[in-house]
N, C-alpha and C. Protein backbone atom coordinates (compact mmCIF):
# COMPACT_ATOMS: atom_id res chain seq x y z
N MET A 1 267.73 142.60 21.83
CA MET A 1 266.96 143.48 22.73
C MET A 1 266.86 144.87 22.11
N ASN A 2 265.61 145.35 21.89
CA ASN A 2 265.43 146.67 21.29
C ASN A 2 265.56 147.77 22.35
N SER A 3 265.45 149.01 21.89
CA SER A 3 265.67 150.14 22.79
C SER A 3 264.64 150.20 23.91
N ALA A 4 263.37 149.86 23.60
CA ALA A 4 262.33 149.89 24.63
C ALA A 4 262.62 148.86 25.72
N GLU A 5 263.06 147.66 25.30
CA GLU A 5 263.38 146.63 26.28
C GLU A 5 264.58 147.02 27.13
N GLN A 6 265.56 147.68 26.52
CA GLN A 6 266.71 148.15 27.27
C GLN A 6 266.31 149.20 28.29
N LEU A 7 265.46 150.14 27.87
CA LEU A 7 264.98 151.17 28.79
C LEU A 7 264.20 150.56 29.94
N THR A 8 263.36 149.57 29.63
CA THR A 8 262.58 148.90 30.67
C THR A 8 263.49 148.22 31.68
N LEU A 9 264.51 147.55 31.20
CA LEU A 9 265.46 146.86 32.08
C LEU A 9 266.18 147.85 32.99
N VAL A 10 266.64 148.96 32.40
CA VAL A 10 267.34 149.98 33.19
C VAL A 10 266.40 150.60 34.21
N CYS A 11 265.16 150.86 33.80
CA CYS A 11 264.18 151.46 34.71
C CYS A 11 263.89 150.55 35.89
N TYR A 12 263.67 149.27 35.62
CA TYR A 12 263.40 148.33 36.72
C TYR A 12 264.62 148.19 37.63
N THR A 13 265.80 148.27 37.05
CA THR A 13 267.02 148.22 37.87
C THR A 13 267.07 149.41 38.83
N CYS A 14 266.77 150.60 38.30
CA CYS A 14 266.76 151.80 39.15
C CYS A 14 265.68 151.71 40.23
N VAL A 15 264.51 151.18 39.85
CA VAL A 15 263.43 151.01 40.83
C VAL A 15 263.86 150.05 41.94
N TYR A 16 264.52 148.97 41.55
CA TYR A 16 265.00 148.00 42.54
C TYR A 16 266.04 148.63 43.47
N LEU A 17 267.00 149.36 42.88
CA LEU A 17 268.01 150.02 43.69
C LEU A 17 267.38 151.05 44.62
N ARG A 18 266.38 151.74 44.10
CA ARG A 18 265.67 152.74 44.91
C ARG A 18 264.97 152.07 46.09
N TYR A 19 264.33 150.94 45.81
CA TYR A 19 263.62 150.22 46.88
C TYR A 19 264.60 149.67 47.92
N MET A 20 265.71 149.12 47.45
CA MET A 20 266.70 148.58 48.38
C MET A 20 267.35 149.68 49.21
N LYS A 21 267.44 150.86 48.65
CA LYS A 21 268.06 151.99 49.35
C LYS A 21 267.18 152.53 50.46
N ASP A 22 265.87 152.63 50.17
CA ASP A 22 264.99 153.33 51.11
C ASP A 22 263.78 152.50 51.55
N GLY A 23 263.49 151.44 50.84
CA GLY A 23 262.39 150.57 51.24
C GLY A 23 261.00 151.12 51.02
N SER A 24 260.84 152.12 50.15
CA SER A 24 259.52 152.70 49.91
C SER A 24 258.77 151.85 48.90
N LEU A 25 257.78 151.10 49.38
CA LEU A 25 257.02 150.19 48.52
C LEU A 25 256.10 150.94 47.57
N LEU A 26 255.50 152.04 48.04
CA LEU A 26 254.57 152.78 47.21
C LEU A 26 255.24 153.32 45.95
N LEU A 27 256.44 153.85 46.08
CA LEU A 27 257.16 154.37 44.93
C LEU A 27 257.47 153.26 43.93
N ALA A 28 257.84 152.09 44.43
CA ALA A 28 258.13 150.96 43.56
C ALA A 28 256.88 150.51 42.82
N VAL A 29 255.75 150.48 43.51
CA VAL A 29 254.49 150.06 42.88
C VAL A 29 254.07 151.07 41.81
N LEU A 30 254.16 152.36 42.13
CA LEU A 30 253.79 153.39 41.15
C LEU A 30 254.64 153.28 39.89
N ALA A 31 255.94 153.09 40.07
CA ALA A 31 256.84 152.97 38.93
C ALA A 31 256.51 151.74 38.10
N ALA A 32 256.21 150.63 38.77
CA ALA A 32 255.88 149.39 38.05
C ALA A 32 254.60 149.55 37.25
N VAL A 33 253.62 150.25 37.81
CA VAL A 33 252.36 150.47 37.10
C VAL A 33 252.58 151.35 35.86
N VAL A 34 253.40 152.40 36.01
CA VAL A 34 253.69 153.27 34.87
C VAL A 34 254.39 152.50 33.76
N VAL A 35 255.38 151.68 34.11
CA VAL A 35 256.11 150.90 33.11
C VAL A 35 255.19 149.90 32.44
N SER A 36 254.32 149.25 33.21
CA SER A 36 253.39 148.27 32.64
C SER A 36 252.40 148.93 31.68
N LEU A 37 251.91 150.11 32.06
CA LEU A 37 250.97 150.81 31.19
C LEU A 37 251.67 151.30 29.93
N ALA A 38 252.91 151.74 30.05
CA ALA A 38 253.68 152.15 28.87
C ALA A 38 253.91 150.96 27.94
N ASP A 39 254.15 149.78 28.52
CA ASP A 39 254.33 148.57 27.71
C ASP A 39 253.05 148.20 26.98
N PHE A 40 251.91 148.33 27.66
CA PHE A 40 250.62 148.08 27.01
C PHE A 40 250.40 149.06 25.86
N LEU A 41 250.72 150.33 26.10
CA LEU A 41 250.56 151.34 25.06
C LEU A 41 251.45 151.05 23.86
N ALA A 42 252.67 150.57 24.13
CA ALA A 42 253.59 150.22 23.05
C ALA A 42 253.04 149.07 22.21
N THR A 43 252.47 148.07 22.87
CA THR A 43 251.87 146.94 22.15
C THR A 43 250.70 147.39 21.28
N LEU A 44 249.88 148.27 21.83
CA LEU A 44 248.72 148.77 21.09
C LEU A 44 249.13 149.58 19.87
N THR A 45 250.04 150.53 20.05
CA THR A 45 250.44 151.38 18.94
C THR A 45 251.22 150.60 17.87
N THR A 46 252.01 149.62 18.30
CA THR A 46 252.74 148.80 17.33
C THR A 46 251.78 147.96 16.50
N THR A 47 250.77 147.40 17.14
CA THR A 47 249.75 146.63 16.42
C THR A 47 249.01 147.51 15.42
N TYR A 48 248.67 148.72 15.85
CA TYR A 48 247.98 149.66 14.96
C TYR A 48 248.87 150.02 13.76
N LEU A 49 250.15 150.26 14.03
CA LEU A 49 251.07 150.61 12.95
C LEU A 49 251.21 149.47 11.96
N LYS A 50 251.39 148.25 12.43
CA LYS A 50 251.53 147.11 11.53
C LYS A 50 250.27 146.91 10.70
N HIS A 51 249.12 147.08 11.33
CA HIS A 51 247.85 146.92 10.63
C HIS A 51 247.69 147.95 9.51
N ASN A 52 248.01 149.21 9.82
CA ASN A 52 247.81 150.27 8.83
C ASN A 52 248.96 150.39 7.85
N SER A 53 250.06 149.68 8.08
CA SER A 53 251.15 149.66 7.12
C SER A 53 250.92 148.63 6.02
N HIS A 54 249.97 147.73 6.26
CA HIS A 54 249.67 146.71 5.26
C HIS A 54 248.93 147.34 4.10
N PRO A 55 249.32 147.08 2.86
CA PRO A 55 248.69 147.75 1.71
C PRO A 55 247.22 147.40 1.51
N HIS A 56 246.75 146.27 2.07
CA HIS A 56 245.36 145.86 1.87
C HIS A 56 244.64 145.70 3.20
N HIS A 57 244.96 146.60 4.14
CA HIS A 57 244.35 146.43 5.46
C HIS A 57 242.86 146.75 5.41
N ASP A 58 242.09 146.10 6.28
CA ASP A 58 240.64 146.27 6.35
C ASP A 58 240.32 147.24 7.49
N SER A 59 239.66 148.34 7.19
CA SER A 59 239.39 149.38 8.20
C SER A 59 238.37 148.94 9.23
N PHE A 60 237.73 147.75 9.05
CA PHE A 60 236.72 147.31 9.99
C PHE A 60 237.23 146.23 10.95
N THR A 61 238.54 146.08 11.00
CA THR A 61 239.14 145.14 11.93
C THR A 61 239.13 145.75 13.34
N PRO A 62 239.42 144.95 14.39
CA PRO A 62 239.40 145.49 15.77
C PRO A 62 240.40 146.62 16.00
N THR A 63 241.37 146.81 15.10
CA THR A 63 242.33 147.89 15.29
C THR A 63 241.90 149.16 14.57
N ASP A 64 240.59 149.29 14.31
CA ASP A 64 240.08 150.47 13.63
C ASP A 64 240.43 151.73 14.43
N SER A 65 240.68 152.83 13.73
CA SER A 65 241.24 154.04 14.31
C SER A 65 240.45 154.62 15.49
N PRO A 66 239.11 154.79 15.39
CA PRO A 66 238.39 155.40 16.53
C PRO A 66 238.58 154.65 17.84
N VAL A 67 238.60 153.33 17.77
CA VAL A 67 238.76 152.52 18.98
C VAL A 67 240.17 152.72 19.56
N VAL A 68 241.17 152.62 18.68
CA VAL A 68 242.55 152.77 19.13
C VAL A 68 242.78 154.17 19.69
N ARG A 69 242.26 155.19 19.01
CA ARG A 69 242.46 156.56 19.47
C ARG A 69 241.84 156.78 20.84
N ALA A 70 240.67 156.18 21.08
CA ALA A 70 240.03 156.31 22.39
C ALA A 70 240.85 155.63 23.48
N ILE A 71 241.39 154.45 23.17
CA ILE A 71 242.20 153.74 24.16
C ILE A 71 243.50 154.48 24.43
N VAL A 72 244.13 155.00 23.37
CA VAL A 72 245.36 155.78 23.54
C VAL A 72 245.10 157.00 24.41
N LEU A 73 243.99 157.68 24.19
CA LEU A 73 243.65 158.86 25.00
C LEU A 73 243.52 158.49 26.47
N LYS A 74 242.82 157.40 26.77
CA LYS A 74 242.66 156.98 28.17
C LYS A 74 244.01 156.62 28.78
N ALA A 75 244.84 155.92 28.00
CA ALA A 75 246.15 155.53 28.51
C ALA A 75 247.01 156.76 28.82
N LEU A 76 246.95 157.76 27.95
CA LEU A 76 247.72 158.99 28.19
C LEU A 76 247.23 159.71 29.44
N ARG A 77 245.92 159.72 29.65
CA ARG A 77 245.38 160.36 30.84
C ARG A 77 245.83 159.63 32.10
N TYR A 78 245.76 158.30 32.07
CA TYR A 78 246.18 157.52 33.23
C TYR A 78 247.66 157.75 33.53
N LEU A 79 248.47 157.80 32.48
CA LEU A 79 249.90 158.02 32.67
C LEU A 79 250.17 159.40 33.26
N GLN A 80 249.45 160.41 32.80
CA GLN A 80 249.61 161.75 33.36
C GLN A 80 249.24 161.77 34.84
N VAL A 81 248.15 161.10 35.19
CA VAL A 81 247.72 161.06 36.59
C VAL A 81 248.75 160.32 37.45
N LEU A 82 249.24 159.19 36.95
CA LEU A 82 250.22 158.42 37.71
C LEU A 82 251.51 159.21 37.93
N LEU A 83 251.98 159.89 36.88
CA LEU A 83 253.19 160.70 37.03
C LEU A 83 252.96 161.86 37.99
N LEU A 84 251.76 162.44 37.95
CA LEU A 84 251.43 163.53 38.87
C LEU A 84 251.41 163.03 40.31
N VAL A 85 250.79 161.87 40.54
CA VAL A 85 250.73 161.30 41.88
C VAL A 85 252.14 160.96 42.38
N GLN A 86 252.93 160.39 41.50
CA GLN A 86 254.31 160.03 41.87
C GLN A 86 255.11 161.27 42.26
N THR A 87 254.98 162.34 41.48
CA THR A 87 255.70 163.58 41.79
C THR A 87 255.17 164.23 43.06
N ALA A 88 253.83 164.24 43.20
CA ALA A 88 253.22 164.84 44.39
C ALA A 88 253.62 164.10 45.65
N TYR A 89 253.89 162.82 45.52
CA TYR A 89 254.35 162.04 46.67
C TYR A 89 255.83 162.29 46.96
N LEU A 90 256.62 162.40 45.91
CA LEU A 90 258.07 162.53 46.07
C LEU A 90 258.48 163.83 46.75
N LEU A 91 257.85 164.94 46.35
CA LEU A 91 258.29 166.24 46.85
C LEU A 91 258.16 166.36 48.36
N PRO A 92 256.97 166.12 48.95
CA PRO A 92 256.91 166.18 50.42
C PRO A 92 257.68 165.04 51.08
N TYR A 93 257.81 163.92 50.40
CA TYR A 93 258.57 162.80 50.94
C TYR A 93 260.02 163.20 51.18
N HIS A 94 260.64 163.82 50.18
CA HIS A 94 262.03 164.26 50.34
C HIS A 94 262.13 165.43 51.33
N ALA A 95 261.11 166.26 51.37
CA ALA A 95 261.14 167.41 52.28
C ALA A 95 261.12 166.98 53.73
N THR A 96 260.51 165.84 54.02
CA THR A 96 260.39 165.37 55.40
C THR A 96 261.26 164.15 55.68
N LEU A 97 262.17 163.85 54.75
CA LEU A 97 262.98 162.63 54.88
C LEU A 97 263.84 162.65 56.14
N ALA A 98 264.28 163.83 56.56
CA ALA A 98 265.17 163.92 57.72
C ALA A 98 264.44 163.76 59.04
N GLN A 99 263.11 163.82 59.04
CA GLN A 99 262.35 163.68 60.27
C GLN A 99 262.06 162.20 60.52
N PRO A 100 262.25 161.72 61.74
CA PRO A 100 262.12 160.28 62.02
C PRO A 100 260.78 159.69 61.58
N HIS A 101 259.67 160.40 61.86
CA HIS A 101 258.36 159.88 61.46
C HIS A 101 257.56 161.02 60.83
N GLY A 102 258.20 161.72 59.92
CA GLY A 102 257.57 162.92 59.37
C GLY A 102 256.71 162.67 58.15
N PHE A 103 256.66 161.45 57.64
CA PHE A 103 255.87 161.22 56.43
C PHE A 103 255.34 159.79 56.45
N VAL A 104 254.15 159.61 55.96
CA VAL A 104 253.52 158.29 55.95
C VAL A 104 253.80 157.63 54.61
N ASP A 105 254.42 156.48 54.63
CA ASP A 105 254.64 155.74 53.40
C ASP A 105 254.60 154.25 53.70
N LEU A 106 254.59 153.45 52.66
CA LEU A 106 254.53 152.01 52.82
C LEU A 106 255.94 151.46 52.78
N ARG A 107 256.38 150.85 53.88
CA ARG A 107 257.74 150.35 53.98
C ARG A 107 257.74 148.90 54.43
N ILE A 108 258.66 148.14 53.87
CA ILE A 108 258.92 146.80 54.38
C ILE A 108 259.98 146.89 55.48
N ILE A 109 261.03 147.66 55.20
CA ILE A 109 262.10 147.90 56.17
C ILE A 109 262.15 149.39 56.46
N ASP A 110 261.99 149.78 57.70
CA ASP A 110 261.96 151.21 58.05
C ASP A 110 263.37 151.70 58.30
N GLU A 111 264.05 152.13 57.26
CA GLU A 111 265.38 152.70 57.45
C GLU A 111 265.50 153.94 56.58
N ARG A 112 266.23 154.93 57.10
CA ARG A 112 266.40 156.19 56.41
C ARG A 112 267.89 156.50 56.32
N ASP A 113 268.33 156.83 55.13
CA ASP A 113 269.74 157.13 54.91
C ASP A 113 269.88 158.63 54.68
N ARG A 114 270.00 159.39 55.76
CA ARG A 114 270.05 160.84 55.63
C ARG A 114 271.28 161.29 54.86
N GLN A 115 272.42 160.61 55.07
CA GLN A 115 273.63 161.01 54.38
C GLN A 115 273.55 160.71 52.88
N GLY A 116 272.73 159.73 52.49
CA GLY A 116 272.64 159.35 51.09
C GLY A 116 271.40 159.89 50.41
N SER A 117 270.81 160.98 50.92
CA SER A 117 269.57 161.50 50.34
C SER A 117 269.77 161.96 48.90
N TRP A 118 270.98 162.44 48.56
CA TRP A 118 271.23 162.85 47.18
C TRP A 118 271.15 161.66 46.24
N GLN A 119 271.49 160.47 46.74
CA GLN A 119 271.38 159.26 45.92
C GLN A 119 269.91 158.94 45.64
N LEU A 120 269.06 159.17 46.63
CA LEU A 120 267.63 158.95 46.42
C LEU A 120 267.08 159.93 45.40
N TRP A 121 267.51 161.19 45.49
CA TRP A 121 267.10 162.18 44.50
C TRP A 121 267.53 161.74 43.10
N ALA A 122 268.76 161.27 42.99
CA ALA A 122 269.29 160.85 41.68
C ALA A 122 268.50 159.67 41.13
N LEU A 123 268.19 158.70 41.98
CA LEU A 123 267.44 157.53 41.54
C LEU A 123 266.01 157.91 41.16
N ASP A 124 265.39 158.78 41.95
CA ASP A 124 264.03 159.22 41.63
C ASP A 124 263.99 159.97 40.30
N LEU A 125 264.98 160.82 40.08
CA LEU A 125 265.05 161.56 38.82
C LEU A 125 265.27 160.60 37.65
N ALA A 126 266.16 159.62 37.85
CA ALA A 126 266.45 158.65 36.79
C ALA A 126 265.20 157.83 36.46
N VAL A 127 264.47 157.39 37.47
CA VAL A 127 263.25 156.60 37.23
C VAL A 127 262.22 157.43 36.47
N THR A 128 262.03 158.68 36.87
CA THR A 128 261.05 159.54 36.19
C THR A 128 261.42 159.77 34.74
N LEU A 129 262.69 160.07 34.47
CA LEU A 129 263.13 160.30 33.09
C LEU A 129 263.02 159.03 32.25
N LEU A 130 263.33 157.88 32.85
CA LEU A 130 263.21 156.62 32.13
C LEU A 130 261.75 156.30 31.83
N GLU A 131 260.87 156.62 32.75
CA GLU A 131 259.44 156.42 32.50
C GLU A 131 258.97 157.28 31.34
N LEU A 132 259.38 158.54 31.31
CA LEU A 132 259.01 159.43 30.21
C LEU A 132 259.59 158.94 28.88
N ALA A 133 260.81 158.43 28.93
CA ALA A 133 261.44 157.90 27.71
C ALA A 133 260.69 156.67 27.21
N LEU A 134 260.24 155.81 28.11
CA LEU A 134 259.48 154.63 27.72
C LEU A 134 258.14 155.01 27.09
N ILE A 135 257.49 156.01 27.67
CA ILE A 135 256.22 156.48 27.11
C ILE A 135 256.44 157.07 25.72
N SER A 136 257.51 157.84 25.58
CA SER A 136 257.84 158.42 24.27
C SER A 136 258.10 157.33 23.23
N GLU A 137 258.82 156.28 23.63
CA GLU A 137 259.07 155.15 22.72
C GLU A 137 257.77 154.45 22.35
N ALA A 138 256.87 154.32 23.32
CA ALA A 138 255.59 153.66 23.06
C ALA A 138 254.74 154.41 22.05
N LEU A 139 254.91 155.72 21.99
CA LEU A 139 254.12 156.55 21.08
C LEU A 139 254.77 156.71 19.71
N ARG A 140 255.97 156.13 19.53
CA ARG A 140 256.68 156.27 18.26
C ARG A 140 257.20 154.91 17.77
N PRO A 141 256.33 153.91 17.66
CA PRO A 141 256.80 152.61 17.18
C PRO A 141 257.21 152.68 15.71
N GLU A 142 258.10 151.78 15.30
CA GLU A 142 258.57 151.74 13.92
C GLU A 142 258.39 150.33 13.37
N TYR A 143 258.03 150.27 12.08
CA TYR A 143 257.82 148.97 11.44
C TYR A 143 257.90 149.13 9.93
N ALA A 144 258.74 148.33 9.29
CA ALA A 144 258.84 148.26 7.84
C ALA A 144 259.06 149.64 7.20
N GLY A 145 259.98 150.42 7.78
CA GLY A 145 260.29 151.72 7.20
C GLY A 145 259.27 152.80 7.49
N ARG A 146 258.33 152.52 8.37
CA ARG A 146 257.32 153.50 8.75
C ARG A 146 257.31 153.64 10.27
N ARG A 147 256.73 154.72 10.73
CA ARG A 147 256.57 154.90 12.16
C ARG A 147 255.24 155.57 12.44
N LEU A 148 254.76 155.42 13.66
CA LEU A 148 253.52 156.06 14.08
C LEU A 148 253.84 157.41 14.70
N ALA A 149 253.08 158.44 14.34
CA ALA A 149 253.30 159.78 14.89
C ALA A 149 251.99 160.30 15.49
N LEU A 150 252.10 161.03 16.58
CA LEU A 150 250.97 161.74 17.17
C LEU A 150 251.27 163.24 17.07
N PRO A 151 250.90 163.88 15.97
CA PRO A 151 251.29 165.27 15.72
C PRO A 151 250.88 166.23 16.84
N GLN A 152 249.75 165.97 17.50
CA GLN A 152 249.26 166.89 18.53
C GLN A 152 250.17 166.92 19.76
N LEU A 153 250.95 165.86 19.97
CA LEU A 153 251.88 165.85 21.10
C LEU A 153 253.15 166.64 20.82
N GLN A 154 253.46 166.87 19.53
CA GLN A 154 254.66 167.61 19.13
C GLN A 154 255.93 167.03 19.76
N THR A 155 256.10 165.72 19.62
CA THR A 155 257.28 165.08 20.20
C THR A 155 258.56 165.56 19.54
N HIS A 156 258.47 166.01 18.28
CA HIS A 156 259.67 166.53 17.62
C HIS A 156 260.16 167.81 18.29
N ARG A 157 259.28 168.49 19.00
CA ARG A 157 259.64 169.75 19.66
C ARG A 157 259.93 169.56 21.14
N TYR A 158 259.15 168.73 21.82
CA TYR A 158 259.27 168.59 23.27
C TYR A 158 259.94 167.30 23.72
N GLY A 159 260.18 166.37 22.80
CA GLY A 159 260.85 165.14 23.16
C GLY A 159 260.10 164.33 24.20
N ILE A 160 260.82 163.81 25.21
CA ILE A 160 260.18 162.96 26.21
C ILE A 160 259.26 163.75 27.13
N LEU A 161 259.31 165.08 27.08
CA LEU A 161 258.44 165.90 27.92
C LEU A 161 257.10 166.21 27.25
N ALA A 162 256.88 165.67 26.04
CA ALA A 162 255.66 165.99 25.29
C ALA A 162 254.40 165.61 26.06
N LEU A 163 254.43 164.46 26.75
CA LEU A 163 253.25 164.02 27.48
C LEU A 163 252.86 165.00 28.57
N LEU A 164 253.84 165.64 29.21
CA LEU A 164 253.57 166.53 30.34
C LEU A 164 252.85 167.80 29.92
N ARG A 165 253.08 168.26 28.67
CA ARG A 165 252.42 169.49 28.25
C ARG A 165 251.23 169.22 27.33
N PHE A 166 250.91 167.96 27.07
CA PHE A 166 249.80 167.63 26.19
C PHE A 166 248.48 167.71 26.96
N ASP A 167 247.52 168.47 26.43
CA ASP A 167 246.23 168.65 27.07
C ASP A 167 245.27 167.56 26.61
N THR A 168 245.10 166.52 27.43
CA THR A 168 244.22 165.41 27.05
C THR A 168 242.74 165.75 27.24
N TRP A 169 242.46 166.94 27.78
CA TRP A 169 241.07 167.34 28.01
C TRP A 169 240.62 168.45 27.06
N SER A 170 241.43 168.79 26.08
CA SER A 170 241.02 169.81 25.11
C SER A 170 239.85 169.27 24.29
N PRO A 171 238.92 170.14 23.86
CA PRO A 171 237.73 169.67 23.13
C PRO A 171 238.06 168.84 21.89
N ALA A 172 239.08 169.26 21.13
CA ALA A 172 239.43 168.54 19.91
C ALA A 172 239.91 167.12 20.21
N VAL A 173 240.71 166.98 21.26
CA VAL A 173 241.23 165.67 21.63
C VAL A 173 240.14 164.80 22.25
N CYS A 174 239.31 165.39 23.09
CA CYS A 174 238.24 164.62 23.74
C CYS A 174 237.23 164.11 22.74
N ARG A 175 237.01 164.87 21.66
CA ARG A 175 235.99 164.49 20.67
C ARG A 175 236.41 163.26 19.87
N ASP A 176 237.61 163.26 19.34
CA ASP A 176 238.05 162.18 18.45
C ASP A 176 239.23 161.38 18.98
N GLY A 177 239.85 161.83 20.05
CA GLY A 177 241.09 161.20 20.50
C GLY A 177 242.26 161.80 19.76
N PRO A 178 243.49 161.51 20.20
CA PRO A 178 244.67 162.08 19.54
C PRO A 178 244.81 161.54 18.12
N GLU A 179 245.28 162.40 17.23
CA GLU A 179 245.48 162.02 15.84
C GLU A 179 246.61 161.00 15.73
N LEU A 180 246.39 159.96 14.94
CA LEU A 180 247.40 158.93 14.70
C LEU A 180 247.76 158.96 13.22
N SER A 181 249.05 159.14 12.92
CA SER A 181 249.50 159.22 11.54
C SER A 181 250.63 158.23 11.30
N VAL A 182 250.52 157.50 10.20
CA VAL A 182 251.59 156.60 9.78
C VAL A 182 252.43 157.35 8.76
N VAL A 183 253.70 157.56 9.07
CA VAL A 183 254.57 158.36 8.22
C VAL A 183 255.84 157.58 7.90
N ALA A 184 256.55 158.04 6.89
CA ALA A 184 257.84 157.44 6.55
C ALA A 184 258.82 157.68 7.69
N LYS A 185 259.60 156.68 8.03
CA LYS A 185 260.53 156.79 9.15
C LYS A 185 261.61 157.82 8.84
N PRO A 186 261.79 158.84 9.71
CA PRO A 186 262.82 159.86 9.49
C PRO A 186 264.20 159.33 9.86
N THR A 187 265.21 160.06 9.46
CA THR A 187 266.57 159.65 9.78
C THR A 187 266.96 160.05 11.19
N THR A 188 266.31 161.05 11.77
CA THR A 188 266.58 161.48 13.15
C THR A 188 265.28 161.44 13.92
N ARG A 189 265.40 161.39 15.28
CA ARG A 189 264.21 161.13 16.07
C ARG A 189 263.91 162.16 17.15
N TYR A 190 264.93 162.70 17.83
CA TYR A 190 264.64 163.53 19.00
C TYR A 190 265.32 164.89 18.91
N GLY A 191 264.80 165.80 19.74
CA GLY A 191 265.46 167.09 19.93
C GLY A 191 265.39 167.99 18.73
N SER A 192 266.29 168.98 18.71
CA SER A 192 266.27 169.99 17.66
C SER A 192 266.65 169.43 16.31
N THR A 193 267.28 168.24 16.26
CA THR A 193 267.69 167.66 14.99
C THR A 193 266.59 166.83 14.36
N ALA A 194 265.46 166.67 15.07
CA ALA A 194 264.38 165.85 14.53
C ALA A 194 263.65 166.60 13.42
N THR A 195 263.00 165.82 12.54
CA THR A 195 262.23 166.41 11.46
C THR A 195 260.99 167.07 12.01
N ALA A 196 260.80 168.34 11.75
CA ALA A 196 259.66 169.08 12.32
C ALA A 196 258.38 168.79 11.58
N THR A 197 258.44 168.56 10.30
CA THR A 197 257.25 168.30 9.51
C THR A 197 257.49 167.11 8.60
N GLU A 198 256.42 166.48 8.19
CA GLU A 198 256.49 165.36 7.29
C GLU A 198 255.86 165.75 5.95
N PRO A 199 256.32 165.21 4.82
CA PRO A 199 255.69 165.51 3.54
C PRO A 199 254.23 165.13 3.57
N PRO A 200 253.33 165.96 3.03
CA PRO A 200 251.89 165.68 3.09
C PRO A 200 251.53 164.34 2.49
N ASP A 201 252.21 163.93 1.42
CA ASP A 201 251.85 162.69 0.78
C ASP A 201 252.35 161.47 1.52
N ALA A 202 253.17 161.67 2.59
CA ALA A 202 253.70 160.55 3.36
C ALA A 202 252.76 160.15 4.48
N ARG A 203 251.72 160.97 4.74
CA ARG A 203 250.84 160.72 5.87
C ARG A 203 249.67 159.82 5.48
N ALA A 204 249.29 158.98 6.42
CA ALA A 204 248.06 158.18 6.29
C ALA A 204 247.31 158.35 7.57
N HIS A 205 246.48 159.39 7.65
CA HIS A 205 245.84 159.77 8.91
C HIS A 205 244.90 158.68 9.37
N GLY A 206 244.91 158.50 10.75
CA GLY A 206 244.01 157.50 11.31
C GLY A 206 242.70 158.11 11.71
């Protein structure tokens, strides 16, 4: 089981615990959609990386860069919207949790655990961070000593929060989609210890 599969398992476990704790169906559905879309993005980027890592790859195959870049851009936009909707729902939800009928949500079992509200906060935070980690993993697949990089997201600087500050509507990104680069796999991956730049000759721009 690789790291992405482990993160997915932990995320679904937290979603299940969250649902069993409070019975909010909408939150569970939103989380499942985010995880599924992140999994689709991981499959797409991994296929693109394997295709472009081959020494004799054909640029006219279905994994050609403009198509992949356009799909990646749409996926990133959808993920940003889903995370925004999830957060916009959570904040007033927790603010009105103590009121018997203070918020409209989809429930199978209508029960509220006022004494355990900090547990709900912890689970919601864990699910959100796991979702961001899954998206980050999906954007950095590795294969045969190479990995895919999206320089415009600056994941080496912002880590799992890169998606939240990435402007998917900027003219440069909207015109061509996010830049996809196949680079040599670094020895470190996240945070301040990550490699900030890659050697120019190591890049194979998409």
